[in-house]
Full PDB file with SEQRES, HELIX, SHEET, SSBOND, CRYST1, ORIGX, SCALE, CONECT and MASTER records, all heavy atoms in Angstrom:
SEQRES   1 A   30  GLU ALA TYR PRO GLY VAL PHE ASN LEU ASP TYR LEU LEU          
SEQRES   2 A   30  ASP GLY GLU GLY GLY LEU LEU LEU THR ASP ALA PRO MET          
SEQRES   3 A   30  MET GLU GLN LYS                                              
HELIX    1 AA1 LEU A    9  ASP A   14  1                                   6    
CRYST1    1.000    1.000    1.000  90.00  90.00  90.00 P 1           1          
ORIGX1      1.000000  0.000000  0.000000        0.00000                         
ORIGX2      0.000000  1.000000  0.000000        0.00000                         
ORIGX3      0.000000  0.000000  1.000000        0.00000                         
SCALE1      1.000000  0.000000  0.000000        0.00000                         
SCALE2      0.000000  1.000000  0.000000        0.00000                         
SCALE3      0.000000  0.000000  1.000000        0.00000                         
ATOM      1  N   GLU A   1      18.644 -31.595  52.259  1.00  0.00           N  
ATOM      2  CA  GLU A   1      18.516 -33.053  52.098  1.00  0.00           C  
ATOM      3  C   GLU A   1      17.914 -33.408  50.744  1.00  0.00           C  
ATOM      4  O   GLU A   1      18.322 -34.375  50.106  1.00  0.00           O  
ATOM      5  CB  GLU A   1      17.647 -33.635  53.216  1.00  0.00           C  
ATOM      6  CG  GLU A   1      18.306 -33.604  54.571  1.00  0.00           C  
ATOM      7  CD  GLU A   1      17.359 -33.967  55.713  1.00  0.00           C  
ATOM      8  OE1 GLU A   1      16.138 -34.165  55.465  1.00  0.00           O  
ATOM      9  OE2 GLU A   1      17.830 -34.037  56.856  1.00  0.00           O  
ATOM     10  N   ALA A   2      16.944 -32.623  50.293  1.00  0.00           N  
ATOM     11  CA  ALA A   2      16.273 -32.899  49.022  1.00  0.00           C  
ATOM     12  C   ALA A   2      17.188 -32.599  47.831  1.00  0.00           C  
ATOM     13  O   ALA A   2      17.043 -33.211  46.777  1.00  0.00           O  
ATOM     14  CB  ALA A   2      14.981 -32.085  48.905  1.00  0.00           C  
ATOM     15  N   TYR A   3      18.124 -31.680  48.022  1.00  0.00           N  
ATOM     16  CA  TYR A   3      19.064 -31.288  46.957  1.00  0.00           C  
ATOM     17  C   TYR A   3      20.486 -31.376  47.515  1.00  0.00           C  
ATOM     18  O   TYR A   3      21.145 -30.357  47.712  1.00  0.00           O  
ATOM     19  CB  TYR A   3      18.739 -29.867  46.451  1.00  0.00           C  
ATOM     20  CG  TYR A   3      17.348 -29.776  45.893  1.00  0.00           C  
ATOM     21  CD1 TYR A   3      16.268 -29.407  46.690  1.00  0.00           C  
ATOM     22  CD2 TYR A   3      17.098 -30.100  44.566  1.00  0.00           C  
ATOM     23  CE1 TYR A   3      14.978 -29.360  46.184  1.00  0.00           C  
ATOM     24  CE2 TYR A   3      15.813 -30.045  44.041  1.00  0.00           C  
ATOM     25  CZ  TYR A   3      14.765 -29.677  44.859  1.00  0.00           C  
ATOM     26  OH  TYR A   3      13.489 -29.627  44.348  1.00  0.00           O  
ATOM     27  N   PRO A   4      20.953 -32.609  47.766  1.00  0.00           N  
ATOM     28  CA  PRO A   4      22.266 -32.776  48.411  1.00  0.00           C  
ATOM     29  C   PRO A   4      23.401 -32.199  47.562  1.00  0.00           C  
ATOM     30  O   PRO A   4      23.401 -32.327  46.345  1.00  0.00           O  
ATOM     31  CB  PRO A   4      22.394 -34.289  48.564  1.00  0.00           C  
ATOM     32  CG  PRO A   4      21.423 -34.880  47.603  1.00  0.00           C  
ATOM     33  CD  PRO A   4      20.337 -33.875  47.420  1.00  0.00           C  
ATOM     34  N   GLY A   5      24.327 -31.557  48.255  1.00  0.00           N  
ATOM     35  CA  GLY A   5      25.497 -31.015  47.585  1.00  0.00           C  
ATOM     36  C   GLY A   5      25.254 -29.716  46.846  1.00  0.00           C  
ATOM     37  O   GLY A   5      26.135 -29.231  46.136  1.00  0.00           O  
ATOM     38  N   VAL A   6      24.076 -29.130  47.001  1.00  0.00           N  
ATOM     39  CA  VAL A   6      23.757 -27.911  46.257  1.00  0.00           C  
ATOM     40  C   VAL A   6      23.786 -26.682  47.165  1.00  0.00           C  
ATOM     41  O   VAL A   6      24.522 -25.739  46.918  1.00  0.00           O  
ATOM     42  CB  VAL A   6      22.381 -28.024  45.554  1.00  0.00           C  
ATOM     43  CG1 VAL A   6      22.026 -26.734  44.832  1.00  0.00           C  
ATOM     44  CG2 VAL A   6      22.371 -29.196  44.589  1.00  0.00           C  
ATOM     45  N   PHE A   7      22.972 -26.692  48.212  1.00  0.00           N  
ATOM     46  CA  PHE A   7      22.797 -25.486  49.022  1.00  0.00           C  
ATOM     47  C   PHE A   7      23.633 -25.522  50.302  1.00  0.00           C  
ATOM     48  O   PHE A   7      23.839 -26.568  50.910  1.00  0.00           O  
ATOM     49  CB  PHE A   7      21.317 -25.290  49.374  1.00  0.00           C  
ATOM     50  CG  PHE A   7      20.454 -25.080  48.167  1.00  0.00           C  
ATOM     51  CD1 PHE A   7      19.586 -26.066  47.722  1.00  0.00           C  
ATOM     52  CD2 PHE A   7      20.523 -23.896  47.452  1.00  0.00           C  
ATOM     53  CE1 PHE A   7      18.802 -25.875  46.596  1.00  0.00           C  
ATOM     54  CE2 PHE A   7      19.738 -23.695  46.320  1.00  0.00           C  
ATOM     55  CZ  PHE A   7      18.885 -24.687  45.895  1.00  0.00           C  
ATOM     56  N   ASN A   8      24.068 -24.340  50.720  1.00  0.00           N  
ATOM     57  CA  ASN A   8      24.865 -24.147  51.919  1.00  0.00           C  
ATOM     58  C   ASN A   8      23.912 -23.930  53.096  1.00  0.00           C  
ATOM     59  O   ASN A   8      23.268 -22.883  53.188  1.00  0.00           O  
ATOM     60  CB  ASN A   8      25.782 -22.938  51.704  1.00  0.00           C  
ATOM     61  CG  ASN A   8      26.603 -22.589  52.915  1.00  0.00           C  
ATOM     62  OD1 ASN A   8      26.467 -23.176  53.973  1.00  0.00           O  
ATOM     63  ND2 ASN A   8      27.462 -21.595  52.753  1.00  0.00           N  
ATOM     64  N   LEU A   9      23.827 -24.902  53.989  1.00  0.00           N  
ATOM     65  CA  LEU A   9      22.904 -24.821  55.121  1.00  0.00           C  
ATOM     66  C   LEU A   9      23.229 -23.633  56.023  1.00  0.00           C  
ATOM     67  O   LEU A   9      22.319 -22.965  56.517  1.00  0.00           O  
ATOM     68  CB  LEU A   9      22.902 -26.125  55.928  1.00  0.00           C  
ATOM     69  CG  LEU A   9      21.917 -26.187  57.091  1.00  0.00           C  
ATOM     70  CD1 LEU A   9      20.479 -25.982  56.608  1.00  0.00           C  
ATOM     71  CD2 LEU A   9      22.051 -27.504  57.835  1.00  0.00           C  
ATOM     72  N   ASP A  10      24.498 -23.328  56.231  1.00  0.00           N  
ATOM     73  CA  ASP A  10      24.858 -22.171  57.066  1.00  0.00           C  
ATOM     74  C   ASP A  10      24.294 -20.879  56.477  1.00  0.00           C  
ATOM     75  O   ASP A  10      23.815 -20.010  57.201  1.00  0.00           O  
ATOM     76  CB  ASP A  10      26.384 -22.047  57.196  1.00  0.00           C  
ATOM     77  CG  ASP A  10      26.979 -23.174  58.022  1.00  0.00           C  
ATOM     78  OD1 ASP A  10      26.266 -23.710  58.894  1.00  0.00           O  
ATOM     79  OD2 ASP A  10      28.158 -23.517  57.788  1.00  0.00           O  
ATOM     80  N   TYR A  11      24.344 -20.779  55.160  1.00  0.00           N  
ATOM     81  CA  TYR A  11      23.784 -19.587  54.518  1.00  0.00           C  
ATOM     82  C   TYR A  11      22.267 -19.549  54.691  1.00  0.00           C  
ATOM     83  O   TYR A  11      21.696 -18.505  55.017  1.00  0.00           O  
ATOM     84  CB  TYR A  11      24.133 -19.557  53.026  1.00  0.00           C  
ATOM     85  CG  TYR A  11      23.502 -18.385  52.315  1.00  0.00           C  
ATOM     86  CD1 TYR A  11      24.020 -17.104  52.448  1.00  0.00           C  
ATOM     87  CD2 TYR A  11      22.366 -18.552  51.526  1.00  0.00           C  
ATOM     88  CE1 TYR A  11      23.431 -16.008  51.817  1.00  0.00           C  
ATOM     89  CE2 TYR A  11      21.776 -17.470  50.888  1.00  0.00           C  
ATOM     90  CZ  TYR A  11      22.307 -16.206  51.041  1.00  0.00           C  
ATOM     91  OH  TYR A  11      21.713 -15.129  50.427  1.00  0.00           O  
ATOM     92  N   LEU A  12      21.620 -20.681  54.484  1.00  0.00           N  
ATOM     93  CA  LEU A  12      20.162 -20.704  54.596  1.00  0.00           C  
ATOM     94  C   LEU A  12      19.700 -20.352  56.003  1.00  0.00           C  
ATOM     95  O   LEU A  12      18.723 -19.619  56.181  1.00  0.00           O  
ATOM     96  CB  LEU A  12      19.617 -22.067  54.173  1.00  0.00           C  
ATOM     97  CG  LEU A  12      19.877 -22.480  52.727  1.00  0.00           C  
ATOM     98  CD1 LEU A  12      19.276 -23.847  52.454  1.00  0.00           C  
ATOM     99  CD2 LEU A  12      19.362 -21.453  51.745  1.00  0.00           C  
ATOM    100  N   LEU A  13      20.409 -20.852  57.011  1.00  0.00           N  
ATOM    101  CA  LEU A  13      20.006 -20.614  58.396  1.00  0.00           C  
ATOM    102  C   LEU A  13      20.400 -19.231  58.899  1.00  0.00           C  
ATOM    103  O   LEU A  13      19.611 -18.558  59.565  1.00  0.00           O  
ATOM    104  CB  LEU A  13      20.602 -21.686  59.306  1.00  0.00           C  
ATOM    105  CG  LEU A  13      20.115 -23.114  59.068  1.00  0.00           C  
ATOM    106  CD1 LEU A  13      20.871 -24.080  59.966  1.00  0.00           C  
ATOM    107  CD2 LEU A  13      18.621 -23.241  59.276  1.00  0.00           C  
ATOM    108  N   ASP A  14      21.640 -18.821  58.606  1.00  0.00           N  
ATOM    109  CA  ASP A  14      22.183 -17.618  59.238  1.00  0.00           C  
ATOM    110  C   ASP A  14      22.703 -16.563  58.276  1.00  0.00           C  
ATOM    111  O   ASP A  14      23.202 -15.529  58.705  1.00  0.00           O  
ATOM    112  CB  ASP A  14      23.332 -18.012  60.180  1.00  0.00           C  
ATOM    113  CG  ASP A  14      22.892 -19.039  61.210  1.00  0.00           C  
ATOM    114  OD1 ASP A  14      21.805 -18.852  61.800  1.00  0.00           O  
ATOM    115  OD2 ASP A  14      23.612 -20.025  61.426  1.00  0.00           O  
ATOM    116  N   GLY A  15      22.669 -16.839  56.960  1.00  0.00           N  
ATOM    117  CA  GLY A  15      23.178 -15.875  56.005  1.00  0.00           C  
ATOM    118  C   GLY A  15      24.691 -15.871  55.882  1.00  0.00           C  
ATOM    119  O   GLY A  15      25.271 -14.944  55.329  1.00  0.00           O  
ATOM    120  N   GLU A  16      25.354 -16.901  56.414  1.00  0.00           N  
ATOM    121  CA  GLU A  16      26.822 -16.978  56.372  1.00  0.00           C  
ATOM    122  C   GLU A  16      27.286 -17.703  55.120  1.00  0.00           C  
ATOM    123  O   GLU A  16      26.857 -18.822  54.849  1.00  0.00           O  
ATOM    124  CB  GLU A  16      27.347 -17.720  57.605  1.00  0.00           C  
ATOM    125  CG  GLU A  16      27.046 -17.003  58.902  1.00  0.00           C  
ATOM    126  CD  GLU A  16      27.475 -17.801  60.119  1.00  0.00           C  
ATOM    127  OE1 GLU A  16      28.235 -18.786  59.974  1.00  0.00           O  
ATOM    128  OE2 GLU A  16      27.037 -17.439  61.220  1.00  0.00           O  
ATOM    129  N   GLY A  17      28.174 -17.057  54.348  1.00  0.00           N  
ATOM    130  CA  GLY A  17      28.686 -17.675  53.135  1.00  0.00           C  
ATOM    131  C   GLY A  17      27.789 -17.355  51.951  1.00  0.00           C  
ATOM    132  O   GLY A  17      27.148 -16.306  51.904  1.00  0.00           O  
ATOM    133  N   GLY A  18      27.745 -18.278  51.013  1.00  0.00           N  
ATOM    134  CA  GLY A  18      26.939 -18.093  49.818  1.00  0.00           C  
ATOM    135  C   GLY A  18      25.836 -19.124  49.724  1.00  0.00           C  
ATOM    136  O   GLY A  18      25.831 -20.124  50.453  1.00  0.00           O  
ATOM    137  N   LEU A  19      24.924 -18.917  48.816  1.00  0.00           N  
ATOM    138  CA  LEU A  19      23.782 -19.806  48.636  1.00  0.00           C  
ATOM    139  C   LEU A  19      24.208 -21.231  48.304  1.00  0.00           C  
ATOM    140  O   LEU A  19      23.686 -22.193  48.866  1.00  0.00           O  
ATOM    141  CB  LEU A  19      22.872 -19.273  47.527  1.00  0.00           C  
ATOM    142  CG  LEU A  19      21.682 -20.143  47.128  1.00  0.00           C  
ATOM    143  CD1 LEU A  19      20.691 -20.263  48.274  1.00  0.00           C  
ATOM    144  CD2 LEU A  19      20.995 -19.580  45.888  1.00  0.00           C  
ATOM    145  N   LEU A  20      25.174 -21.354  47.387  1.00  0.00           N  
ATOM    146  CA  LEU A  20      25.565 -22.674  46.898  1.00  0.00           C  
ATOM    147  C   LEU A  20      26.813 -23.175  47.616  1.00  0.00           C  
ATOM    148  O   LEU A  20      27.655 -22.384  48.041  1.00  0.00           O  
ATOM    149  CB  LEU A  20      25.804 -22.624  45.392  1.00  0.00           C  
ATOM    150  CG  LEU A  20      24.628 -22.108  44.560  1.00  0.00           C  
ATOM    151  CD1 LEU A  20      25.013 -22.031  43.094  1.00  0.00           C  
ATOM    152  CD2 LEU A  20      23.398 -22.969  44.754  1.00  0.00           C  
ATOM    153  N   LEU A  21      26.929 -24.489  47.700  1.00  0.00           N  
ATOM    154  CA  LEU A  21      28.094 -25.078  48.347  1.00  0.00           C  
ATOM    155  C   LEU A  21      29.364 -24.892  47.532  1.00  0.00           C  
ATOM    156  O   LEU A  21      30.430 -24.698  48.085  1.00  0.00           O  
ATOM    157  CB  LEU A  21      27.877 -26.575  48.598  1.00  0.00           C  
ATOM    158  CG  LEU A  21      26.969 -26.911  49.768  1.00  0.00           C  
ATOM    159  CD1 LEU A  21      26.765 -28.413  49.858  1.00  0.00           C  
ATOM    160  CD2 LEU A  21      27.560 -26.394  51.077  1.00  0.00           C  
ATOM    161  N   THR A  22      29.252 -24.964  46.216  1.00  0.00           N  
ATOM    162  CA  THR A  22      30.434 -24.865  45.375  1.00  0.00           C  
ATOM    163  C   THR A  22      30.158 -23.921  44.219  1.00  0.00           C  
ATOM    164  O   THR A  22      29.028 -23.512  43.984  1.00  0.00           O  
ATOM    165  CB  THR A  22      30.811 -26.243  44.783  1.00  0.00           C  
ATOM    166  OG1 THR A  22      29.771 -26.657  43.899  1.00  0.00           O  
ATOM    167  CG2 THR A  22      31.016 -27.284  45.854  1.00  0.00           C  
ATOM    168  N   ASP A  23      31.214 -23.618  43.500  1.00  0.00           N  
ATOM    169  CA  ASP A  23      31.068 -22.818  42.281  1.00  0.00           C  
ATOM    170  C   ASP A  23      30.979 -23.712  41.065  1.00  0.00           C  
ATOM    171  O   ASP A  23      31.217 -23.286  39.947  1.00  0.00           O  
ATOM    172  CB  ASP A  23      32.263 -21.870  42.125  1.00  0.00           C  
ATOM    173  CG  ASP A  23      32.262 -20.804  43.196  1.00  0.00           C  
ATOM    174  OD1 ASP A  23      31.164 -20.436  43.647  1.00  0.00           O  
ATOM    175  OD2 ASP A  23      33.347 -20.345  43.588  1.00  0.00           O  
ATOM    176  N   ALA A  24      30.642 -24.983  41.290  1.00  0.00           N  
ATOM    177  CA  ALA A  24      30.530 -25.942  40.189  1.00  0.00           C  
ATOM    178  C   ALA A  24      29.423 -25.492  39.249  1.00  0.00           C  
ATOM    179  O   ALA A  24      28.531 -24.740  39.629  1.00  0.00           O  
ATOM    180  CB  ALA A  24      30.221 -27.332  40.739  1.00  0.00           C  
ATOM    181  N   PRO A  25      29.483 -25.949  37.999  1.00  0.00           N  
ATOM    182  CA  PRO A  25      28.411 -25.605  37.055  1.00  0.00           C  
ATOM    183  C   PRO A  25      27.057 -26.008  37.627  1.00  0.00           C  
ATOM    184  O   PRO A  25      26.953 -26.956  38.404  1.00  0.00           O  
ATOM    185  CB  PRO A  25      28.741 -26.435  35.816  1.00  0.00           C  
ATOM    186  CG  PRO A  25      30.162 -26.821  35.964  1.00  0.00           C  
ATOM    187  CD  PRO A  25      30.470 -26.825  37.425  1.00  0.00           C  
ATOM    188  N   MET A  26      26.046 -25.288  37.215  1.00  0.00           N  
ATOM    189  CA  MET A  26      24.692 -25.570  37.677  1.00  0.00           C  
ATOM    190  C   MET A  26      24.286 -26.981  37.285  1.00  0.00           C  
ATOM    191  O   MET A  26      24.524 -27.400  36.163  1.00  0.00           O  
ATOM    192  CB  MET A  26      23.689 -24.585  37.069  1.00  0.00           C  
ATOM    193  CG  MET A  26      23.981 -23.162  37.397  1.00  0.00           C  
ATOM    194  SD  MET A  26      23.918 -22.898  39.148  1.00  0.00           S  
ATOM    195  CE  MET A  26      24.409 -21.202  39.228  1.00  0.00           C  
ATOM    196  N   MET A  27      23.696 -27.677  38.226  1.00  0.00           N  
ATOM    197  CA  MET A  27      23.231 -29.031  37.949  1.00  0.00           C  
ATOM    198  C   MET A  27      21.953 -28.924  37.141  1.00  0.00           C  
ATOM    199  O   MET A  27      21.135 -28.048  37.373  1.00  0.00           O  
ATOM    200  CB  MET A  27      22.989 -29.783  39.248  1.00  0.00           C  
ATOM    201  CG  MET A  27      24.249 -29.932  40.077  1.00  0.00           C  
ATOM    202  SD  MET A  27      23.929 -30.684  41.662  1.00  0.00           S  
ATOM    203  CE  MET A  27      23.541 -32.337  41.173  1.00  0.00           C  
ATOM    204  N   GLU A  28      21.776 -29.826  36.218  1.00  0.00           N  
ATOM    205  CA  GLU A  28      20.576 -29.782  35.384  1.00  0.00           C  
ATOM    206  C   GLU A  28      19.655 -30.949  35.667  1.00  0.00           C  
ATOM    207  O   GLU A  28      18.873 -31.333  34.832  1.00  0.00           O  
ATOM    208  CB  GLU A  28      20.980 -29.757  33.911  1.00  0.00           C  
ATOM    209  CG  GLU A  28      21.676 -28.461  33.549  1.00  0.00           C  
ATOM    210  CD  GLU A  28      21.961 -28.353  32.080  1.00  0.00           C  
ATOM    211  OE1 GLU A  28      21.435 -29.166  31.300  1.00  0.00           O  
ATOM    212  OE2 GLU A  28      22.718 -27.454  31.707  1.00  0.00           O  
ATOM    213  N   GLN A  29      19.770 -31.517  36.847  1.00  0.00           N  
ATOM    214  CA  GLN A  29      18.885 -32.617  37.187  1.00  0.00           C  
ATOM    215  C   GLN A  29      17.576 -32.052  37.697  1.00  0.00           C  
ATOM    216  O   GLN A  29      17.501 -30.921  38.125  1.00  0.00           O  
ATOM    217  CB  GLN A  29      19.510 -33.517  38.239  1.00  0.00           C  
ATOM    218  CG  GLN A  29      19.544 -32.887  39.631  1.00  0.00           C  
ATOM    219  CD  GLN A  29      20.260 -33.740  40.631  1.00  0.00           C  
ATOM    220  OE1 GLN A  29      21.363 -34.160  40.408  1.00  0.00           O  
ATOM    221  NE2 GLN A  29      19.622 -33.975  41.741  1.00  0.00           N  
ATOM    222  N   LYS A  30      16.577 -32.857  37.634  1.00  0.00           N  
ATOM    223  CA  LYS A  30      15.281 -32.459  38.156  1.00  0.00           C  
ATOM    224  C   LYS A  30      14.995 -33.318  39.377  1.00  0.00           C  
ATOM    225  O   LYS A  30      15.344 -34.496  39.395  1.00  0.00           O  
ATOM    226  CB  LYS A  30      14.187 -32.654  37.113  1.00  0.00           C  
ATOM    227  CG  LYS A  30      14.351 -31.725  35.934  1.00  0.00           C  
ATOM    228  CD  LYS A  30      13.220 -31.875  34.969  1.00  0.00           C  
ATOM    229  CE  LYS A  30      13.426 -30.929  33.808  1.00  0.00           C  
ATOM    230  NZ  LYS A  30      12.388 -31.022  32.828  1.00  0.00           N  
TER     231      LYS A  30                                                      
MASTER        0    0    0    1    0    0    0    6  230    1    0    3          
END                                                                             
């Protein structure tokens, strides 16, 4: 929720998939 569109919740909870939702360039927002 704090970093919408960045992290894959399934991965964080269960290790399924990858850390990030997309292979888009790294966001540089703070």
